[in-house]
C-alpha atoms as a PDB file:
ATOM      1  CA  UNK A   1     117.555  89.769 102.643  1.00  0.00           C
ATOM      2  CA  UNK A   2     121.037  89.473 104.045  1.00  0.00           C
ATOM      3  CA  UNK A   3     122.881  91.293 106.876  1.00  0.00           C
ATOM      4  CA  UNK A   4     125.184  92.941 104.319  1.00  0.00           C
ATOM      5  CA  UNK A   5     122.188  94.442 102.531  1.00  0.00           C
ATOM      6  CA  UNK A   6     121.539  96.792 105.465  1.00  0.00           C
ATOM      7  CA  UNK A   7     122.068 100.323 104.169  1.00  0.00           C
ATOM      8  CA  UNK A   8     120.285 102.622 106.668  1.00  0.00           C
ATOM      9  CA  UNK A   9     118.606 103.020 110.100  1.00  0.00           C
ATOM     10  CA  UNK A  10     115.530 105.071 110.087  1.00  0.00           C
ATOM     11  CA  UNK A  11     114.655 107.641 112.802  1.00  0.00           C
ATOM     12  CA  UNK A  12     111.162 109.128 112.907  1.00  0.00           C
ATOM     13  CA  UNK A  13     111.220 112.433 114.884  1.00  0.00           C
ATOM     14  CA  UNK A  14     108.835 115.078 115.997  1.00  0.00           C
ATOM     15  CA  UNK A  15     111.140 118.007 115.389  1.00  0.00           C
ATOM     16  CA  UNK A  16     113.079 117.389 112.150  1.00  0.00           C
ATOM     17  CA  UNK A  17     115.166 120.469 112.145  1.00  0.00           C
ATOM     18  CA  UNK A  18     116.176 120.150 115.783  1.00  0.00           C
ATOM     19  CA  UNK A  19     117.122 116.559 115.437  1.00  0.00           C
ATOM     20  CA  UNK A  20     119.188 117.260 112.319  1.00  0.00           C
ATOM     21  CA  UNK A  21     120.995 120.069 114.024  1.00  0.00           C
ATOM     22  CA  UNK A  22     121.660 117.870 117.060  1.00  0.00           C
ATOM     23  CA  UNK A  23     123.100 114.995 115.113  1.00  0.00           C
ATOM     24  CA  UNK A  24     125.154 117.478 113.163  1.00  0.00           C
ATOM     25  CA  UNK A  25     126.553 119.309 116.200  1.00  0.00           C
ATOM     26  CA  UNK A  26     126.987 116.280 118.467  1.00  0.00           C
ATOM     27  CA  UNK A  27     128.429 113.685 116.134  1.00  0.00           C
ATOM     28  CA  UNK A  28     129.177 115.500 112.921  1.00  0.00           C
ATOM     29  CA  UNK A  29     126.658 114.035 110.480  1.00  0.00           C
ATOM     30  CA  UNK A  30     126.395 115.648 107.089  1.00  0.00           C
ATOM     31  CA  UNK A  31     123.063 115.430 105.261  1.00  0.00           C
ATOM     32  CA  UNK A  32     121.460 115.339 101.877  1.00  0.00           C
ATOM     33  CA  UNK A  33     119.096 118.232 101.260  1.00  0.00           C
ATOM     34  CA  UNK A  34     115.833 117.604 103.117  1.00  0.00           C
ATOM     35  CA  UNK A  35     113.114 116.885 100.645  1.00  0.00           C
ATOM     36  CA  UNK A  36     109.318 116.420 100.688  1.00  0.00           C
ATOM     37  CA  UNK A  37     107.357 113.826  98.707  1.00  0.00           C
ATOM     38  CA  UNK A  38     103.767 112.924  98.510  1.00  0.00           C
ATOM     39  CA  UNK A  39     104.200 109.093  98.864  1.00  0.00           C
ATOM     40  CA  UNK A  40     101.558 106.774  97.605  1.00  0.00           C
ATOM     41  CA  UNK A  41     101.317 104.116 100.170  1.00  0.00           C
ATOM     42  CA  UNK A  42      99.053 100.998 100.912  1.00  0.00           C
ATOM     43  CA  UNK A  43      98.225 100.853 104.598  1.00  0.00           C
ATOM     44  CA  UNK A  44      95.833  98.184 105.872  1.00  0.00           C
ATOM     45  CA  UNK A  45      94.510  97.519 102.362  1.00  0.00           C
ATOM     46  CA  UNK A  46      93.836 101.211 101.576  1.00  0.00           C
ATOM     47  CA  UNK A  47      95.866 103.266  99.100  1.00  0.00           C
ATOM     48  CA  UNK A  48      96.449 106.829 100.244  1.00  0.00           C
ATOM     49  CA  UNK A  49      98.911 109.620  99.774  1.00  0.00           C
ATOM     50  CA  UNK A  50     101.118 110.636 102.777  1.00  0.00           C
ATOM     51  CA  UNK A  51     103.291 113.738 102.813  1.00  0.00           C
ATOM     52  CA  UNK A  52     106.770 112.879 103.910  1.00  0.00           C
ATOM     53  CA  UNK A  53     109.817 115.049 104.746  1.00  0.00           C
ATOM     54  CA  UNK A  54     113.117 113.261 105.005  1.00  0.00           C
ATOM     55  CA  UNK A  55     116.885 113.435 104.586  1.00  0.00           C
ATOM     56  CA  UNK A  56     119.715 110.842 104.651  1.00  0.00           C
ATOM     57  CA  UNK A  57     123.104 111.259 106.294  1.00  0.00           C
ATOM     58  CA  UNK A  58     126.033 111.175 103.956  1.00  0.00           C
ATOM     59  CA  UNK A  59     128.106 109.257 106.427  1.00  0.00           C
ATOM     60  CA  UNK A  60     127.857 105.481 106.399  1.00  0.00           C
ATOM     61  CA  UNK A  61     126.151 103.667 107.951  1.00  0.00           C
ATOM     62  CA  UNK A  62     123.427 106.043 106.784  1.00  0.00           C
ATOM     63  CA  UNK A  63     120.705 107.434 108.971  1.00  0.00           C
ATOM     64  CA  UNK A  64     117.289 108.304 107.466  1.00  0.00           C
ATOM     65  CA  UNK A  65     115.609 111.187 109.277  1.00  0.00           C
ATOM     66  CA  UNK A  66     111.855 111.337 108.804  1.00  0.00           C
ATOM     67  CA  UNK A  67     109.474 113.993 110.074  1.00  0.00           C
ATOM     68  CA  UNK A  68     106.677 112.364 112.064  1.00  0.00           C
ATOM     69  CA  UNK A  69     103.270 112.201 110.414  1.00  0.00           C
ATOM     70  CA  UNK A  70     100.440 112.055 112.946  1.00  0.00           C
ATOM     71  CA  UNK A  71      98.073 108.993 112.783  1.00  0.00           C
ATOM     72  CA  UNK A  72     100.344 107.010 110.415  1.00  0.00           C
ATOM     73  CA  UNK A  73     103.004 104.418 110.802  1.00  0.00           C
ATOM     74  CA  UNK A  74     105.528 107.292 110.712  1.00  0.00           C
ATOM     75  CA  UNK A  75     105.228 107.891 114.419  1.00  0.00           C
ATOM     76  CA  UNK A  76     108.295 108.007 116.717  1.00  0.00           C
ATOM     77  CA  UNK A  77     109.019 104.656 118.279  1.00  0.00           C
ATOM     78  CA  UNK A  78     109.635 104.215 122.048  1.00  0.00           C
ATOM     79  CA  UNK A  79     113.109 102.954 121.239  1.00  0.00           C
ATOM     80  CA  UNK A  80     114.096 105.895 119.048  1.00  0.00           C
ATOM     81  CA  UNK A  81     114.906 103.478 116.202  1.00  0.00           C
ATOM     82  CA  UNK A  82     111.939 103.281 113.751  1.00  0.00           C
ATOM     83  CA  UNK A  83     113.297 100.801 111.235  1.00  0.00           C
ATOM     84  CA  UNK A  84     116.285  99.079 109.698  1.00  0.00           C
ATOM     85  CA  UNK A  85     116.315  99.368 105.867  1.00  0.00           C
ATOM     86  CA  UNK A  86     117.559  96.490 103.681  1.00  0.00           C
ATOM     87  CA  UNK A  87     117.940  96.216  99.993  1.00  0.00           C
ATOM     88  CA  UNK A  88     115.754  93.471  98.616  1.00  0.00           C
ATOM     89  CA  UNK A  89     116.471  91.442  95.403  1.00  0.00           C
ATOM     90  CA  UNK A  90     113.040  89.821  95.528  1.00  0.00           C
ATOM     91  CA  UNK A  91     110.698  91.975  97.684  1.00  0.00           C
ATOM     92  CA  UNK A  92     107.699  89.678  97.369  1.00  0.00           C
ATOM     93  CA  UNK A  93     109.741  86.634  98.530  1.00  0.00           C
ATOM     94  CA  UNK A  94     111.292  88.654 101.382  1.00  0.00           C
ATOM     95  CA  UNK A  95     107.949  89.741 102.535  1.00  0.00           C
ATOM     96  CA  UNK A  96     106.648  86.252 102.480  1.00  0.00           C
ATOM     97  CA  UNK A  97     109.721  85.059 104.426  1.00  0.00           C
ATOM     98  CA  UNK A  98     109.108  87.708 107.097  1.00  0.00           C
ATOM     99  CA  UNK A  99     105.411  86.826 107.273  1.00  0.00           C
ATOM    100  CA  UNK A 100     106.457  83.260 108.005  1.00  0.00           C
ATOM    101  CA  UNK A 101     108.311  84.698 111.026  1.00  0.00           C
ATOM    102  CA  UNK A 102     105.159  86.459 112.270  1.00  0.00           C
ATOM    103  CA  UNK A 103     105.849  89.862 110.703  1.00  0.00           C
ATOM    104  CA  UNK A 104     102.955  91.944 109.372  1.00  0.00           C
ATOM    105  CA  UNK A 105     103.094  94.332 106.534  1.00  0.00           C
ATOM    106  CA  UNK A 106     102.349  97.778 107.889  1.00  0.00           C
ATOM    107  CA  UNK A 107     102.655  99.709 104.650  1.00  0.00           C
ATOM    108  CA  UNK A 108     103.995  99.427 101.076  1.00  0.00           C
ATOM    109  CA  UNK A 109     105.279 102.234  98.764  1.00  0.00           C
ATOM    110  CA  UNK A 110     103.680 101.754  95.371  1.00  0.00           C
ATOM    111  CA  UNK A 111     104.497 102.829  91.824  1.00  0.00           C
ATOM    112  CA  UNK A 112     101.685 104.190  89.766  1.00  0.00           C
ATOM    113  CA  UNK A 113     101.463 100.594  88.280  1.00  0.00           C
ATOM    114  CA  UNK A 114     100.952  99.092  91.825  1.00  0.00           C
ATOM    115  CA  UNK A 115     104.417  97.529  92.108  1.00  0.00           C
ATOM    116  CA  UNK A 116     106.030  97.587  95.513  1.00  0.00           C
ATOM    117  CA  UNK A 117     109.055  99.834  95.844  1.00  0.00           C
ATOM    118  CA  UNK A 118     109.410  99.343  99.646  1.00  0.00           C
ATOM    119  CA  UNK A 119     107.649  97.765 102.492  1.00  0.00           C
ATOM    120  CA  UNK A 120     107.532  98.229 106.188  1.00  0.00           C
ATOM    121  CA  UNK A 121     107.238  94.972 108.074  1.00  0.00           C
ATOM    122  CA  UNK A 122     106.654  94.901 111.835  1.00  0.00           C
ATOM    123  CA  UNK A 123     107.656  91.857 113.882  1.00  0.00           C
ATOM    124  CA  UNK A 124     106.783  90.625 117.330  1.00  0.00           C
ATOM    125  CA  UNK A 125     109.852  92.241 118.747  1.00  0.00           C
ATOM    126  CA  UNK A 126     112.464  94.764 117.625  1.00  0.00           C
ATOM    127  CA  UNK A 127     112.304  97.626 115.096  1.00  0.00           C
ATOM    128  CA  UNK A 128     110.517  97.449 111.850  1.00  0.00           C
ATOM    129  CA  UNK A 129     112.244  95.993 108.796  1.00  0.00           C
ATOM    130  CA  UNK A 130     112.031  98.151 105.676  1.00  0.00           C
ATOM    131  CA  UNK A 131     112.548  96.168 102.547  1.00  0.00           C
ATOM    132  CA  UNK A 132     113.608  98.378  99.604  1.00  0.00           C
ATOM    133  CA  UNK A 133     113.441  97.014  96.143  1.00  0.00           C
ATOM    134  CA  UNK A 134     116.961  96.676  94.736  1.00  0.00           C
ATOM    135  CA  UNK A 135     115.712  98.551  91.549  1.00  0.00           C
ATOM    136  CA  UNK A 136     115.834 101.714  93.698  1.00  0.00           C
ATOM    137  CA  UNK A 137     119.558 101.323  94.624  1.00  0.00           C
ATOM    138  CA  UNK A 138     120.986 103.219  91.583  1.00  0.00           C
ATOM    139  CA  UNK A 139     118.448 106.035  92.150  1.00  0.00           C
ATOM    140  CA  UNK A 140     119.340 106.263  95.818  1.00  0.00           C
ATOM    141  CA  UNK A 141     123.051 106.213  95.246  1.00  0.00           C
ATOM    142  CA  UNK A 142     122.790 108.970  92.614  1.00  0.00           C
ATOM    143  CA  UNK A 143     120.852 110.923  95.171  1.00  0.00           C
ATOM    144  CA  UNK A 144     123.461 110.397  97.862  1.00  0.00           C
ATOM    145  CA  UNK A 145     126.230 111.394  95.319  1.00  0.00           C
ATOM    146  CA  UNK A 146     124.499 114.728  94.480  1.00  0.00           C
ATOM    147  CA  UNK A 147     125.274 116.176  97.944  1.00  0.00           C
ATOM    148  CA  UNK A 148     126.470 119.725  97.496  1.00  0.00           C
ATOM    149  CA  UNK A 149     129.912 120.648  98.479  1.00  0.00           C
ATOM    150  CA  UNK A 150     128.495 123.456 100.628  1.00  0.00           C
ATOM    151  CA  UNK A 151     125.525 121.833 102.263  1.00  0.00           C
ATOM    152  CA  UNK A 152     122.584 123.871 103.428  1.00  0.00           C
ATOM    153  CA  UNK A 153     122.641 125.304 106.914  1.00  0.00           C
ATOM    154  CA  UNK A 154     120.430 123.668 109.596  1.00  0.00           C
ATOM    155  CA  UNK A 155     118.821 125.391 112.542  1.00  0.00           C
ATOM    156  CA  UNK A 156     121.248 127.909 114.029  1.00  0.00           C
ATOM    157  CA  UNK A 157     124.126 129.598 112.288  1.00  0.00           C
ATOM    158  CA  UNK A 158     126.483 126.654 112.016  1.00  0.00           C
ATOM    159  CA  UNK A 159     126.785 125.048 108.526  1.00  0.00           C
ATOM    160  CA  UNK A 160     126.721 121.318 108.349  1.00  0.00           C
ATOM    161  CA  UNK A 161     130.323 119.909 108.334  1.00  0.00           C
END
């Protein structure tokens, strides 16, 4: 994990549509379409499915906006910043390096085969670190590139810029 591998900052929010509209109106962020996914995740040694709703800003550095999910690690943080997302060329080695620095793994996104796609790691201070397996980079970049020229409207009658 290197500083130049930072590709997004994650915000977990209670009111997804209001936050998206706010960030659009105040600072002009444009967004991917919001999408929902039932994410298979390992938390505290248990594998479960968590419904997630999220979108990414089209402007860089990217913001990831995630709807809060009660009683999960997707709860709004006191600082407002939930996590910093980094590409990882070797996610197992990067997790091990963070553990040596007193981070704990809060959750891992898993493939059906049990491979780690991403991992949330919480340290003694600061925001979580999300490690995202570099194998996901082409998928994510294709997703970002698919933004519609006339993006969907958000709350209110103003289209996203």
